[in-house]
Amino acid sequence: MSPSTPPADRPLRADARQNVEQILQVAQDVFADLGYQASIAEVARRSGLGMGTIYRHFPNKTALVERIAIKVMQESLDQVRGALAEEPATWPAFTRVMRHMVHLRSSQLFPVSRGRAKEAGAELAEIRTQLLGALEDLVTRTQRAGALRDDVNAFDIVMMLNSIPPRLPETGDGSPTTDLADRYIGVLLDGLRAPGSEPLSQPAPGRREIDQFFRTVHGL
């Protein structure tokens, strides 16, 4: 059984399906806010569900994290494809995807398990490959239109998205959570727009470097 799938193969009852959807949404918010050091207990607290209910659907934290990553990467893949099909110019398509991925916290939603003994499940590996391919297509088209500087690639974009921090954690006094994503993505997009005034001194990363990054930093 893949760690990314719930333990039962039979169709879920309506109430169980609702629980799974609630767990995934709350866990996505928890991990976006606090990173993957956040505990399952925090997911249970925010969702109002018991620990037993969560573990009934996701036998361990790795299973829950992988399922969220699959969900987020699929949403990001759909966004790339939709932007390329719907936007009349490539720069609006590019900025639409970048803002979407930042607000989904795609930069934070890659499985984290430093002591991981097994490779990521096949479903996760496949959707990640598809997403990287779609991002490469988006970058290439935007560069051909002369809108994106030509000395960056899709792997640069992934690394840059990982540099944008999560939302600042709640203070506990009822104050609204500070979210600086819009501010930082604005700076990032300005630096990516062609022609670019600052020469880049290092070669762009490739798939090998990206795989090494996620393997060593995120355990993926």
N, C-alpha and C. Protein backbone atom coordinates (compact mmCIF):
# COMPACT_ATOMS: atom_id res chain seq x y z
N MET A 1 0.85 -1.20 0.00
CA MET A 1 0.00 0.00 0.00
C MET A 1 0.88 1.24 0.00
N SER A 2 0.57 2.18 -0.89
CA SER A 2 1.32 3.43 -0.90
C SER A 2 1.03 4.23 0.36
N PRO A 3 2.06 4.90 0.94
CA PRO A 3 1.80 5.72 2.12
C PRO A 3 0.93 6.92 1.81
N SER A 4 0.68 7.18 0.53
CA SER A 4 -0.10 8.36 0.17
C SER A 4 -1.58 8.08 0.09
N THR A 5 -2.01 6.85 0.32
CA THR A 5 -3.40 6.51 0.19
C THR A 5 -3.98 6.09 1.51
N PRO A 6 -5.29 6.39 1.77
CA PRO A 6 -5.92 5.90 2.97
C PRO A 6 -5.91 4.40 3.01
N PRO A 7 -6.01 3.76 4.19
CA PRO A 7 -5.81 2.33 4.31
C PRO A 7 -6.88 1.49 3.66
N ALA A 8 -8.09 1.99 3.47
CA ALA A 8 -9.15 1.17 2.92
C ALA A 8 -9.36 1.48 1.45
N ASP A 9 -9.55 0.42 0.63
CA ASP A 9 -9.80 0.61 -0.78
C ASP A 9 -11.28 0.75 -1.10
N ARG A 10 -12.13 0.30 -0.20
CA ARG A 10 -13.57 0.37 -0.46
C ARG A 10 -14.05 1.82 -0.39
N PRO A 11 -15.13 2.14 -1.13
CA PRO A 11 -15.65 3.52 -1.12
C PRO A 11 -16.03 3.96 0.29
N LEU A 12 -15.75 5.22 0.61
CA LEU A 12 -16.04 5.76 1.93
C LEU A 12 -17.50 6.18 2.02
N ARG A 13 -18.07 6.04 3.21
CA ARG A 13 -19.39 6.58 3.47
C ARG A 13 -19.32 8.11 3.40
N ALA A 14 -20.49 8.75 3.27
CA ALA A 14 -20.51 10.20 3.12
C ALA A 14 -19.86 10.91 4.30
N ASP A 15 -20.14 10.43 5.54
CA ASP A 15 -19.56 11.10 6.71
C ASP A 15 -18.06 10.89 6.77
N ALA A 16 -17.59 9.71 6.38
CA ALA A 16 -16.15 9.45 6.38
C ALA A 16 -15.45 10.27 5.30
N ARG A 17 -16.09 10.39 4.15
CA ARG A 17 -15.53 11.20 3.07
C ARG A 17 -15.43 12.66 3.50
N GLN A 18 -16.45 13.14 4.20
CA GLN A 18 -16.42 14.51 4.71
C GLN A 18 -15.29 14.70 5.71
N ASN A 19 -15.06 13.69 6.56
CA ASN A 19 -13.95 13.76 7.51
C ASN A 19 -12.61 13.85 6.81
N VAL A 20 -12.44 13.04 5.75
CA VAL A 20 -11.17 13.05 5.01
C VAL A 20 -10.94 14.43 4.40
N GLU A 21 -11.97 14.99 3.78
CA GLU A 21 -11.83 16.32 3.17
C GLU A 21 -11.49 17.38 4.21
N GLN A 22 -12.12 17.26 5.38
CA GLN A 22 -11.85 18.22 6.46
C GLN A 22 -10.42 18.07 6.97
N ILE A 23 -9.97 16.85 7.15
CA ILE A 23 -8.60 16.59 7.61
C ILE A 23 -7.59 17.18 6.64
N LEU A 24 -7.81 16.94 5.35
CA LEU A 24 -6.86 17.41 4.35
C LEU A 24 -6.79 18.94 4.31
N GLN A 25 -7.95 19.59 4.36
CA GLN A 25 -7.94 21.04 4.30
C GLN A 25 -7.30 21.65 5.55
N VAL A 26 -7.65 21.13 6.71
CA VAL A 26 -7.08 21.67 7.94
C VAL A 26 -5.57 21.38 8.00
N ALA A 27 -5.18 20.17 7.64
CA ALA A 27 -3.76 19.83 7.67
C ALA A 27 -2.97 20.69 6.69
N GLN A 28 -3.55 20.97 5.53
CA GLN A 28 -2.87 21.84 4.56
C GLN A 28 -2.63 23.21 5.17
N ASP A 29 -3.63 23.76 5.86
CA ASP A 29 -3.47 25.06 6.51
C ASP A 29 -2.44 25.01 7.65
N VAL A 30 -2.49 23.94 8.43
CA VAL A 30 -1.56 23.79 9.55
C VAL A 30 -0.12 23.76 9.06
N PHE A 31 0.14 22.92 8.04
CA PHE A 31 1.50 22.78 7.55
C PHE A 31 1.96 24.04 6.82
N ALA A 32 1.02 24.75 6.17
CA ALA A 32 1.38 26.02 5.54
C ALA A 32 1.76 27.05 6.58
N ASP A 33 1.05 27.06 7.70
CA ASP A 33 1.33 28.02 8.77
C ASP A 33 2.59 27.70 9.54
N LEU A 34 2.76 26.42 9.88
CA LEU A 34 3.78 26.02 10.85
C LEU A 34 4.91 25.18 10.28
N GLY A 35 4.78 24.76 9.01
CA GLY A 35 5.78 23.86 8.46
C GLY A 35 5.48 22.43 8.88
N TYR A 36 6.29 21.51 8.38
CA TYR A 36 6.01 20.10 8.63
C TYR A 36 6.47 19.61 9.99
N GLN A 37 7.00 20.52 10.81
CA GLN A 37 7.28 20.13 12.19
C GLN A 37 5.99 20.12 13.01
N ALA A 38 4.91 20.70 12.45
CA ALA A 38 3.63 20.70 13.17
C ALA A 38 3.17 19.26 13.40
N SER A 39 2.48 19.06 14.52
CA SER A 39 2.08 17.70 14.91
C SER A 39 0.70 17.36 14.41
N ILE A 40 0.42 16.06 14.36
CA ILE A 40 -0.92 15.59 14.05
C ILE A 40 -1.90 16.08 15.11
N ALA A 41 -1.43 16.24 16.34
CA ALA A 41 -2.29 16.74 17.41
C ALA A 41 -2.81 18.13 17.08
N GLU A 42 -1.99 18.96 16.43
CA GLU A 42 -2.44 20.30 16.05
C GLU A 42 -3.50 20.22 14.96
N VAL A 43 -3.33 19.27 14.04
CA VAL A 43 -4.35 19.05 13.01
C VAL A 43 -5.66 18.63 13.66
N ALA A 44 -5.58 17.73 14.64
CA ALA A 44 -6.78 17.28 15.34
C ALA A 44 -7.43 18.45 16.09
N ARG A 45 -6.63 19.28 16.73
CA ARG A 45 -7.18 20.41 17.50
C ARG A 45 -7.94 21.36 16.60
N ARG A 46 -7.33 21.73 15.47
CA ARG A 46 -7.98 22.71 14.60
C ARG A 46 -9.19 22.12 13.88
N SER A 47 -9.16 20.84 13.59
CA SER A 47 -10.26 20.22 12.84
C SER A 47 -11.43 19.86 13.74
N GLY A 48 -11.16 19.73 15.04
CA GLY A 48 -12.20 19.29 15.95
C GLY A 48 -12.46 17.80 15.90
N LEU A 49 -11.59 17.07 15.21
CA LEU A 49 -11.70 15.62 15.12
C LEU A 49 -10.70 14.96 16.06
N GLY A 50 -11.01 13.75 16.45
CA GLY A 50 -10.11 13.02 17.33
C GLY A 50 -8.91 12.47 16.59
N MET A 51 -7.84 12.21 17.34
CA MET A 51 -6.64 11.61 16.75
C MET A 51 -6.97 10.28 16.10
N GLY A 52 -7.87 9.52 16.73
CA GLY A 52 -8.24 8.22 16.18
C GLY A 52 -8.88 8.34 14.81
N THR A 53 -9.70 9.38 14.61
CA THR A 53 -10.33 9.59 13.31
C THR A 53 -9.29 9.88 12.24
N ILE A 54 -8.31 10.70 12.58
CA ILE A 54 -7.26 11.02 11.61
C ILE A 54 -6.46 9.78 11.26
N TYR A 55 -6.04 9.01 12.26
CA TYR A 55 -5.22 7.83 12.00
C TYR A 55 -6.02 6.71 11.34
N ARG A 56 -7.34 6.77 11.44
CA ARG A 56 -8.16 5.77 10.75
C ARG A 56 -8.04 5.94 9.24
N HIS A 57 -7.87 7.17 8.80
CA HIS A 57 -7.78 7.44 7.36
C HIS A 57 -6.35 7.58 6.87
N PHE A 58 -5.47 8.02 7.76
CA PHE A 58 -4.07 8.22 7.40
C PHE A 58 -3.22 7.58 8.49
N PRO A 59 -2.64 6.41 8.23
CA PRO A 59 -1.99 5.64 9.29
C PRO A 59 -0.78 6.29 9.92
N ASN A 60 -0.20 7.29 9.26
CA ASN A 60 0.95 7.99 9.82
C ASN A 60 1.06 9.37 9.18
N LYS A 61 1.95 10.18 9.70
CA LYS A 61 2.09 11.55 9.21
C LYS A 61 2.56 11.57 7.76
N THR A 62 3.43 10.64 7.38
CA THR A 62 3.91 10.59 6.00
C THR A 62 2.77 10.40 5.03
N ALA A 63 1.81 9.54 5.37
CA ALA A 63 0.66 9.31 4.50
C ALA A 63 -0.15 10.57 4.32
N LEU A 64 -0.35 11.31 5.40
CA LEU A 64 -1.12 12.54 5.33
C LEU A 64 -0.39 13.60 4.51
N VAL A 65 0.90 13.73 4.74
CA VAL A 65 1.70 14.73 4.02
C VAL A 65 1.72 14.43 2.52
N GLU A 66 1.89 13.16 2.16
CA GLU A 66 1.93 12.82 0.74
C GLU A 66 0.60 13.10 0.07
N ARG A 67 -0.49 12.79 0.75
CA ARG A 67 -1.80 13.04 0.15
C ARG A 67 -2.02 14.54 -0.08
N ILE A 68 -1.58 15.37 0.86
CA ILE A 68 -1.70 16.82 0.66
C ILE A 68 -0.83 17.27 -0.51
N ALA A 69 0.39 16.75 -0.60
CA ALA A 69 1.29 17.14 -1.68
C ALA A 69 0.69 16.76 -3.03
N ILE A 70 0.10 15.58 -3.13
CA ILE A 70 -0.54 15.17 -4.38
C ILE A 70 -1.68 16.12 -4.73
N LYS A 71 -2.49 16.44 -3.75
CA LYS A 71 -3.62 17.36 -3.96
C LYS A 71 -3.14 18.72 -4.45
N VAL A 72 -2.14 19.27 -3.80
CA VAL A 72 -1.66 20.61 -4.15
C VAL A 72 -0.97 20.61 -5.50
N MET A 73 -0.17 19.59 -5.78
CA MET A 73 0.51 19.55 -7.06
C MET A 73 -0.47 19.34 -8.21
N GLN A 74 -1.54 18.56 -7.98
CA GLN A 74 -2.56 18.39 -9.02
C GLN A 74 -3.27 19.71 -9.28
N GLU A 75 -3.59 20.45 -8.22
CA GLU A 75 -4.23 21.76 -8.39
C GLU A 75 -3.30 22.72 -9.13
N SER A 76 -2.01 22.67 -8.83
CA SER A 76 -1.05 23.53 -9.52
C SER A 76 -0.92 23.14 -10.98
N LEU A 77 -0.90 21.84 -11.26
CA LEU A 77 -0.83 21.37 -12.64
C LEU A 77 -2.05 21.84 -13.42
N ASP A 78 -3.24 21.73 -12.83
CA ASP A 78 -4.46 22.20 -13.49
C ASP A 78 -4.38 23.70 -13.75
N GLN A 79 -3.79 24.43 -12.82
CA GLN A 79 -3.67 25.88 -12.97
C GLN A 79 -2.74 26.23 -14.13
N VAL A 80 -1.62 25.53 -14.26
CA VAL A 80 -0.69 25.79 -15.37
C VAL A 80 -1.39 25.54 -16.70
N ARG A 81 -2.04 24.40 -16.80
CA ARG A 81 -2.72 24.05 -18.06
C ARG A 81 -3.83 25.04 -18.37
N GLY A 82 -4.60 25.43 -17.35
CA GLY A 82 -5.68 26.39 -17.57
C GLY A 82 -5.16 27.75 -17.97
N ALA A 83 -4.08 28.21 -17.34
CA ALA A 83 -3.52 29.53 -17.66
C ALA A 83 -3.02 29.57 -19.10
N LEU A 84 -2.34 28.51 -19.53
CA LEU A 84 -1.82 28.48 -20.89
C LEU A 84 -2.95 28.45 -21.92
N ALA A 85 -4.07 27.82 -21.55
CA ALA A 85 -5.19 27.72 -22.49
C ALA A 85 -6.04 28.98 -22.52
N GLU A 86 -6.11 29.71 -21.41
CA GLU A 86 -7.08 30.81 -21.27
C GLU A 86 -6.49 32.20 -21.41
N GLU A 87 -5.22 32.38 -21.04
CA GLU A 87 -4.65 33.72 -21.05
C GLU A 87 -4.19 34.10 -22.46
N PRO A 88 -4.48 35.33 -22.91
CA PRO A 88 -4.12 35.73 -24.26
C PRO A 88 -2.62 35.99 -24.44
N ALA A 89 -1.91 36.23 -23.36
CA ALA A 89 -0.46 36.48 -23.45
C ALA A 89 0.24 35.67 -22.37
N THR A 90 1.50 35.34 -22.62
CA THR A 90 2.18 34.40 -21.72
C THR A 90 2.57 35.02 -20.39
N TRP A 91 2.86 36.32 -20.32
CA TRP A 91 3.23 36.90 -19.02
C TRP A 91 2.06 36.86 -18.05
N PRO A 92 0.84 37.22 -18.45
CA PRO A 92 -0.30 37.04 -17.54
C PRO A 92 -0.48 35.58 -17.11
N ALA A 93 -0.25 34.65 -18.02
CA ALA A 93 -0.34 33.24 -17.66
C ALA A 93 0.72 32.88 -16.62
N PHE A 94 1.93 33.37 -16.83
CA PHE A 94 3.02 33.07 -15.91
C PHE A 94 2.75 33.65 -14.53
N THR A 95 2.35 34.92 -14.47
CA THR A 95 2.10 35.55 -13.17
C THR A 95 0.90 34.90 -12.47
N ARG A 96 -0.11 34.51 -13.23
CA ARG A 96 -1.27 33.83 -12.65
C ARG A 96 -0.84 32.54 -11.96
N VAL A 97 0.02 31.77 -12.61
CA VAL A 97 0.48 30.51 -12.03
C VAL A 97 1.34 30.77 -10.80
N MET A 98 2.24 31.73 -10.88
CA MET A 98 3.12 32.01 -9.74
C MET A 98 2.32 32.44 -8.51
N ARG A 99 1.36 33.32 -8.70
CA ARG A 99 0.55 33.77 -7.56
C ARG A 99 -0.31 32.63 -7.01
N HIS A 100 -0.83 31.81 -7.90
CA HIS A 100 -1.62 30.67 -7.44
C HIS A 100 -0.77 29.73 -6.59
N MET A 101 0.42 29.41 -7.05
CA MET A 101 1.27 28.45 -6.34
C MET A 101 1.72 29.01 -5.00
N VAL A 102 1.97 30.31 -4.95
CA VAL A 102 2.36 30.91 -3.68
C VAL A 102 1.21 30.85 -2.69
N HIS A 103 0.01 31.16 -3.14
CA HIS A 103 -1.12 31.16 -2.21
C HIS A 103 -1.56 29.76 -1.83
N LEU A 104 -1.27 28.78 -2.67
CA LEU A 104 -1.51 27.39 -2.28
C LEU A 104 -0.43 26.91 -1.32
N ARG A 105 0.62 27.69 -1.20
CA ARG A 105 1.79 27.32 -0.41
C ARG A 105 2.44 26.06 -0.97
N SER A 106 2.51 26.01 -2.34
CA SER A 106 3.18 24.87 -2.95
C SER A 106 4.63 24.76 -2.49
N SER A 107 5.23 25.92 -2.20
CA SER A 107 6.62 25.90 -1.76
C SER A 107 6.79 25.18 -0.43
N GLN A 108 5.70 25.09 0.37
CA GLN A 108 5.78 24.42 1.66
C GLN A 108 5.23 23.00 1.62
N LEU A 109 4.54 22.66 0.56
CA LEU A 109 3.78 21.41 0.58
C LEU A 109 4.47 20.29 -0.17
N PHE A 110 5.70 20.03 0.17
CA PHE A 110 6.39 18.86 -0.30
C PHE A 110 6.70 17.98 0.90
N PRO A 111 6.52 16.66 0.76
CA PRO A 111 6.65 15.78 1.93
C PRO A 111 7.96 15.94 2.67
N VAL A 112 7.86 16.03 3.97
CA VAL A 112 9.02 16.18 4.83
C VAL A 112 9.10 14.99 5.76
N SER A 113 10.17 14.24 5.65
CA SER A 113 10.40 13.12 6.55
C SER A 113 11.88 12.78 6.46
N ARG A 114 12.67 13.45 7.26
CA ARG A 114 14.12 13.32 7.12
C ARG A 114 14.62 11.91 7.36
N GLY A 115 13.87 11.15 8.17
CA GLY A 115 14.29 9.78 8.43
C GLY A 115 13.60 8.77 7.54
N ARG A 116 13.08 9.23 6.43
CA ARG A 116 12.29 8.37 5.57
C ARG A 116 13.07 7.16 5.09
N ALA A 117 12.45 5.98 5.19
CA ALA A 117 13.13 4.75 4.78
C ALA A 117 12.76 4.35 3.36
N LYS A 118 11.64 4.86 2.83
CA LYS A 118 11.17 4.45 1.52
C LYS A 118 11.06 5.66 0.60
N GLU A 119 11.08 5.36 -0.70
CA GLU A 119 10.88 6.41 -1.67
C GLU A 119 9.43 6.86 -1.64
N ALA A 120 9.20 8.04 -2.19
CA ALA A 120 7.83 8.53 -2.28
C ALA A 120 7.00 7.59 -3.13
N GLY A 121 5.68 7.56 -2.87
CA GLY A 121 4.79 6.70 -3.62
C GLY A 121 4.78 7.04 -5.10
N ALA A 122 4.36 6.08 -5.92
CA ALA A 122 4.38 6.26 -7.37
C ALA A 122 3.46 7.39 -7.80
N GLU A 123 2.32 7.55 -7.15
CA GLU A 123 1.38 8.61 -7.53
C GLU A 123 1.99 9.98 -7.31
N LEU A 124 2.67 10.15 -6.21
CA LEU A 124 3.32 11.43 -5.92
C LEU A 124 4.44 11.70 -6.91
N ALA A 125 5.26 10.69 -7.18
CA ALA A 125 6.36 10.87 -8.12
C ALA A 125 5.85 11.24 -9.51
N GLU A 126 4.75 10.63 -9.92
CA GLU A 126 4.20 10.89 -11.26
C GLU A 126 3.64 12.30 -11.37
N ILE A 127 2.88 12.75 -10.37
CA ILE A 127 2.28 14.08 -10.46
C ILE A 127 3.37 15.15 -10.36
N ARG A 128 4.42 14.87 -9.61
CA ARG A 128 5.52 15.83 -9.52
C ARG A 128 6.22 15.97 -10.87
N THR A 129 6.43 14.85 -11.57
CA THR A 129 7.05 14.87 -12.89
C THR A 129 6.18 15.65 -13.87
N GLN A 130 4.86 15.43 -13.82
CA GLN A 130 3.96 16.15 -14.71
C GLN A 130 3.98 17.65 -14.43
N LEU A 131 4.00 18.01 -13.15
CA LEU A 131 4.00 19.43 -12.80
C LEU A 131 5.29 20.11 -13.25
N LEU A 132 6.43 19.47 -13.03
CA LEU A 132 7.69 20.05 -13.49
C LEU A 132 7.70 20.21 -15.00
N GLY A 133 7.15 19.22 -15.72
CA GLY A 133 7.09 19.33 -17.18
C GLY A 133 6.21 20.49 -17.63
N ALA A 134 5.07 20.67 -16.96
CA ALA A 134 4.18 21.77 -17.31
C ALA A 134 4.82 23.11 -17.01
N LEU A 135 5.56 23.20 -15.91
CA LEU A 135 6.25 24.45 -15.59
C LEU A 135 7.34 24.75 -16.61
N GLU A 136 8.04 23.71 -17.07
CA GLU A 136 9.05 23.92 -18.11
C GLU A 136 8.40 24.47 -19.38
N ASP A 137 7.23 23.94 -19.74
CA ASP A 137 6.51 24.42 -20.92
C ASP A 137 6.11 25.89 -20.74
N LEU A 138 5.60 26.23 -19.56
CA LEU A 138 5.20 27.61 -19.28
C LEU A 138 6.39 28.55 -19.37
N VAL A 139 7.51 28.17 -18.78
CA VAL A 139 8.70 29.01 -18.81
C VAL A 139 9.19 29.20 -20.24
N THR A 140 9.24 28.12 -21.00
CA THR A 140 9.72 28.21 -22.38
C THR A 140 8.85 29.13 -23.22
N ARG A 141 7.54 28.99 -23.10
CA ARG A 141 6.64 29.84 -23.88
C ARG A 141 6.77 31.31 -23.48
N THR A 142 6.92 31.56 -22.19
CA THR A 142 7.03 32.95 -21.72
C THR A 142 8.34 33.57 -22.19
N GLN A 143 9.40 32.77 -22.22
CA GLN A 143 10.68 33.27 -22.73
C GLN A 143 10.62 33.54 -24.23
N ARG A 144 9.96 32.65 -24.97
CA ARG A 144 9.85 32.86 -26.41
C ARG A 144 9.08 34.13 -26.74
N ALA A 145 8.16 34.51 -25.86
CA ALA A 145 7.40 35.75 -26.07
C ALA A 145 8.20 36.98 -25.65
N GLY A 146 9.39 36.77 -25.08
CA GLY A 146 10.24 37.88 -24.67
C GLY A 146 9.85 38.52 -23.36
N ALA A 147 9.00 37.84 -22.58
CA ALA A 147 8.52 38.42 -21.33
C ALA A 147 9.30 37.98 -20.11
N LEU A 148 9.90 36.82 -20.17
CA LEU A 148 10.64 36.25 -19.04
C LEU A 148 12.12 36.21 -19.39
N ARG A 149 12.97 36.62 -18.47
CA ARG A 149 14.40 36.63 -18.75
C ARG A 149 14.84 35.23 -19.17
N ASP A 150 15.77 35.18 -20.12
CA ASP A 150 16.10 33.91 -20.76
C ASP A 150 17.19 33.13 -20.04
N ASP A 151 17.67 33.66 -18.90
CA ASP A 151 18.73 32.95 -18.18
C ASP A 151 18.19 32.23 -16.94
N VAL A 152 16.87 32.01 -16.86
CA VAL A 152 16.29 31.21 -15.78
C VAL A 152 15.54 30.03 -16.39
N ASN A 153 15.29 29.02 -15.56
CA ASN A 153 14.52 27.88 -16.04
C ASN A 153 13.47 27.49 -14.99
N ALA A 154 12.72 26.45 -15.27
CA ALA A 154 11.64 26.02 -14.38
C ALA A 154 12.17 25.59 -13.02
N PHE A 155 13.37 25.03 -12.99
CA PHE A 155 13.93 24.58 -11.72
C PHE A 155 14.33 25.78 -10.85
N ASP A 156 14.77 26.87 -11.50
CA ASP A 156 14.97 28.11 -10.76
C ASP A 156 13.67 28.54 -10.08
N ILE A 157 12.58 28.45 -10.83
CA ILE A 157 11.29 28.90 -10.31
C ILE A 157 10.90 28.10 -9.08
N VAL A 158 11.08 26.78 -9.14
CA VAL A 158 10.75 25.93 -8.00
C VAL A 158 11.57 26.32 -6.78
N MET A 159 12.87 26.54 -6.98
CA MET A 159 13.73 26.93 -5.87
C MET A 159 13.32 28.29 -5.30
N MET A 160 12.96 29.22 -6.16
CA MET A 160 12.55 30.55 -5.70
C MET A 160 11.24 30.48 -4.92
N LEU A 161 10.29 29.69 -5.39
CA LEU A 161 9.03 29.54 -4.66
C LEU A 161 9.29 28.99 -3.27
N ASN A 162 10.29 28.15 -3.13
CA ASN A 162 10.61 27.59 -1.82
C ASN A 162 11.23 28.63 -0.89
N SER A 163 11.65 29.76 -1.46
CA SER A 163 12.25 30.80 -0.61
C SER A 163 11.20 31.71 0.02
N ILE A 164 9.96 31.64 -0.45
CA ILE A 164 8.91 32.50 0.09
C ILE A 164 8.38 31.86 1.37
N PRO A 165 8.42 32.58 2.48
CA PRO A 165 8.10 31.95 3.77
C PRO A 165 6.62 31.68 3.91
N PRO A 166 6.25 30.78 4.83
CA PRO A 166 4.84 30.54 5.13
C PRO A 166 4.25 31.74 5.85
N ARG A 167 2.94 31.70 6.05
CA ARG A 167 2.29 32.73 6.85
C ARG A 167 2.91 32.77 8.24
N LEU A 168 2.99 33.96 8.81
CA LEU A 168 3.48 34.05 10.18
C LEU A 168 2.48 33.35 11.10
N PRO A 169 2.96 32.64 12.11
CA PRO A 169 2.04 31.87 12.97
C PRO A 169 1.12 32.77 13.77
N GLU A 170 -0.01 32.17 14.18
CA GLU A 170 -0.97 32.89 14.99
C GLU A 170 -0.34 33.29 16.33
N THR A 171 -0.74 34.47 16.83
CA THR A 171 -0.18 34.95 18.10
C THR A 171 -0.96 34.46 19.30
N GLY A 172 -2.19 34.01 19.08
CA GLY A 172 -3.00 33.54 20.19
C GLY A 172 -3.83 34.61 20.85
N ASP A 173 -3.65 35.88 20.41
CA ASP A 173 -4.42 36.97 21.02
C ASP A 173 -5.56 37.46 20.13
N GLY A 174 -5.85 36.68 19.09
CA GLY A 174 -6.94 37.04 18.20
C GLY A 174 -6.53 37.96 17.07
N SER A 175 -5.26 38.35 17.00
CA SER A 175 -4.80 39.22 15.93
C SER A 175 -4.78 38.45 14.61
N PRO A 176 -5.07 39.11 13.49
CA PRO A 176 -5.04 38.41 12.20
C PRO A 176 -3.63 37.95 11.86
N THR A 177 -3.55 36.81 11.18
CA THR A 177 -2.26 36.27 10.77
C THR A 177 -1.67 37.12 9.65
N THR A 178 -0.41 37.47 9.76
CA THR A 178 0.27 38.25 8.73
C THR A 178 0.70 37.35 7.59
N ASP A 179 0.34 37.73 6.37
CA ASP A 179 0.71 36.97 5.19
C ASP A 179 1.43 37.90 4.23
N LEU A 180 2.72 37.65 4.04
CA LEU A 180 3.55 38.52 3.20
C LEU A 180 3.74 37.98 1.80
N ALA A 181 2.96 36.96 1.43
CA ALA A 181 3.17 36.30 0.13
C ALA A 181 3.03 37.27 -1.03
N ASP A 182 1.98 38.11 -1.02
CA ASP A 182 1.78 39.04 -2.14
C ASP A 182 2.96 40.00 -2.28
N ARG A 183 3.49 40.44 -1.16
CA ARG A 183 4.62 41.36 -1.20
C ARG A 183 5.83 40.69 -1.84
N TYR A 184 6.14 39.46 -1.41
CA TYR A 184 7.36 38.81 -1.88
C TYR A 184 7.22 38.29 -3.31
N ILE A 185 6.03 37.84 -3.69
CA ILE A 185 5.88 37.38 -5.07
C ILE A 185 5.98 38.56 -6.02
N GLY A 186 5.56 39.76 -5.57
CA GLY A 186 5.74 40.94 -6.40
C GLY A 186 7.20 41.24 -6.68
N VAL A 187 8.03 41.14 -5.66
CA VAL A 187 9.47 41.35 -5.83
C VAL A 187 10.06 40.28 -6.74
N LEU A 188 9.64 39.03 -6.53
CA LEU A 188 10.16 37.92 -7.33
C LEU A 188 9.80 38.09 -8.80
N LEU A 189 8.55 38.43 -9.08
CA LEU A 189 8.13 38.59 -10.47
C LEU A 189 8.87 39.74 -11.14
N ASP A 190 9.10 40.82 -10.41
CA ASP A 190 9.83 41.95 -10.98
C ASP A 190 11.24 41.53 -11.38
N GLY A 191 11.87 40.68 -10.57
CA GLY A 191 13.21 40.22 -10.89
C GLY A 191 13.26 39.22 -12.03
N LEU A 192 12.15 38.54 -12.28
CA LEU A 192 12.11 37.53 -13.33
C LEU A 192 11.77 38.11 -14.70
N ARG A 193 11.20 39.29 -14.73
CA ARG A 193 10.73 39.84 -16.01
C ARG A 193 11.91 40.22 -16.90
N ALA A 194 11.77 39.94 -18.17
CA ALA A 194 12.83 40.25 -19.14
C ALA A 194 12.98 41.77 -19.27
N PRO A 195 14.21 42.25 -19.54
CA PRO A 195 15.39 41.44 -19.83
C PRO A 195 16.20 41.07 -18.59
N GLY A 196 15.92 41.68 -17.45
CA GLY A 196 16.73 41.42 -16.26
C GLY A 196 17.98 42.28 -16.29
N SER A 197 18.19 43.05 -15.24
CA SER A 197 19.31 43.99 -15.24
C SER A 197 20.53 43.46 -14.49
N GLU A 198 20.37 42.40 -13.73
CA GLU A 198 21.48 41.87 -12.93
C GLU A 198 21.92 40.53 -13.50
N PRO A 199 23.17 40.43 -14.02
CA PRO A 199 23.65 39.14 -14.56
C PRO A 199 23.67 38.07 -13.47
N LEU A 200 23.33 36.86 -13.85
CA LEU A 200 23.33 35.74 -12.91
C LEU A 200 24.66 35.01 -13.00
N SER A 201 25.30 34.83 -11.86
CA SER A 201 26.68 34.35 -11.86
C SER A 201 26.81 32.83 -11.87
N GLN A 202 25.76 32.13 -11.50
CA GLN A 202 25.83 30.67 -11.41
C GLN A 202 24.97 30.04 -12.50
N PRO A 203 25.35 28.84 -12.97
CA PRO A 203 24.50 28.15 -13.93
C PRO A 203 23.16 27.79 -13.29
N ALA A 204 22.13 27.70 -14.11
CA ALA A 204 20.80 27.33 -13.61
C ALA A 204 20.82 25.88 -13.14
N PRO A 205 20.02 25.55 -12.12
CA PRO A 205 19.93 24.15 -11.69
C PRO A 205 19.20 23.31 -12.73
N GLY A 206 19.40 22.00 -12.64
CA GLY A 206 18.70 21.06 -13.50
C GLY A 206 17.89 20.09 -12.67
N ARG A 207 17.37 19.06 -13.31
CA ARG A 207 16.55 18.09 -12.59
C ARG A 207 17.35 17.39 -11.49
N ARG A 208 18.63 17.13 -11.74
CA ARG A 208 19.45 16.47 -10.74
C ARG A 208 19.55 17.31 -9.47
N GLU A 209 19.75 18.62 -9.62
CA GLU A 209 19.86 19.50 -8.46
C GLU A 209 18.53 19.61 -7.72
N ILE A 210 17.44 19.67 -8.48
CA ILE A 210 16.13 19.74 -7.84
C ILE A 210 15.85 18.47 -7.05
N ASP A 211 16.14 17.32 -7.65
CA ASP A 211 15.93 16.05 -6.94
C ASP A 211 16.78 15.99 -5.68
N GLN A 212 18.03 16.45 -5.78
CA GLN A 212 18.91 16.46 -4.61
C GLN A 212 18.38 17.39 -3.53
N PHE A 213 17.87 18.55 -3.94
CA PHE A 213 17.33 19.51 -2.99
C PHE A 213 16.16 18.91 -2.20
N PHE A 214 15.20 18.35 -2.90
CA PHE A 214 14.02 17.81 -2.21
C PHE A 214 14.35 16.56 -1.42
N ARG A 215 15.34 15.80 -1.89
CA ARG A 215 15.72 14.60 -1.15
C ARG A 215 16.41 14.95 0.16
N THR A 216 17.30 15.95 0.13
CA THR A 216 18.09 16.25 1.32
C THR A 216 17.37 17.21 2.27
N VAL A 217 16.58 18.16 1.71
CA VAL A 217 15.92 19.14 2.55
C VAL A 217 14.54 18.67 2.99
N HIS A 218 13.78 18.08 2.05
CA HIS A 218 12.41 17.71 2.33
C HIS A 218 12.19 16.21 2.49
N GLY A 219 13.19 15.40 2.20
CA GLY A 219 13.01 13.96 2.33
C GLY A 219 12.23 13.35 1.19
N LEU A 220 12.09 14.09 0.07
CA LEU A 220 11.32 13.59 -1.08
C LEU A 220 12.25 13.12 -2.17
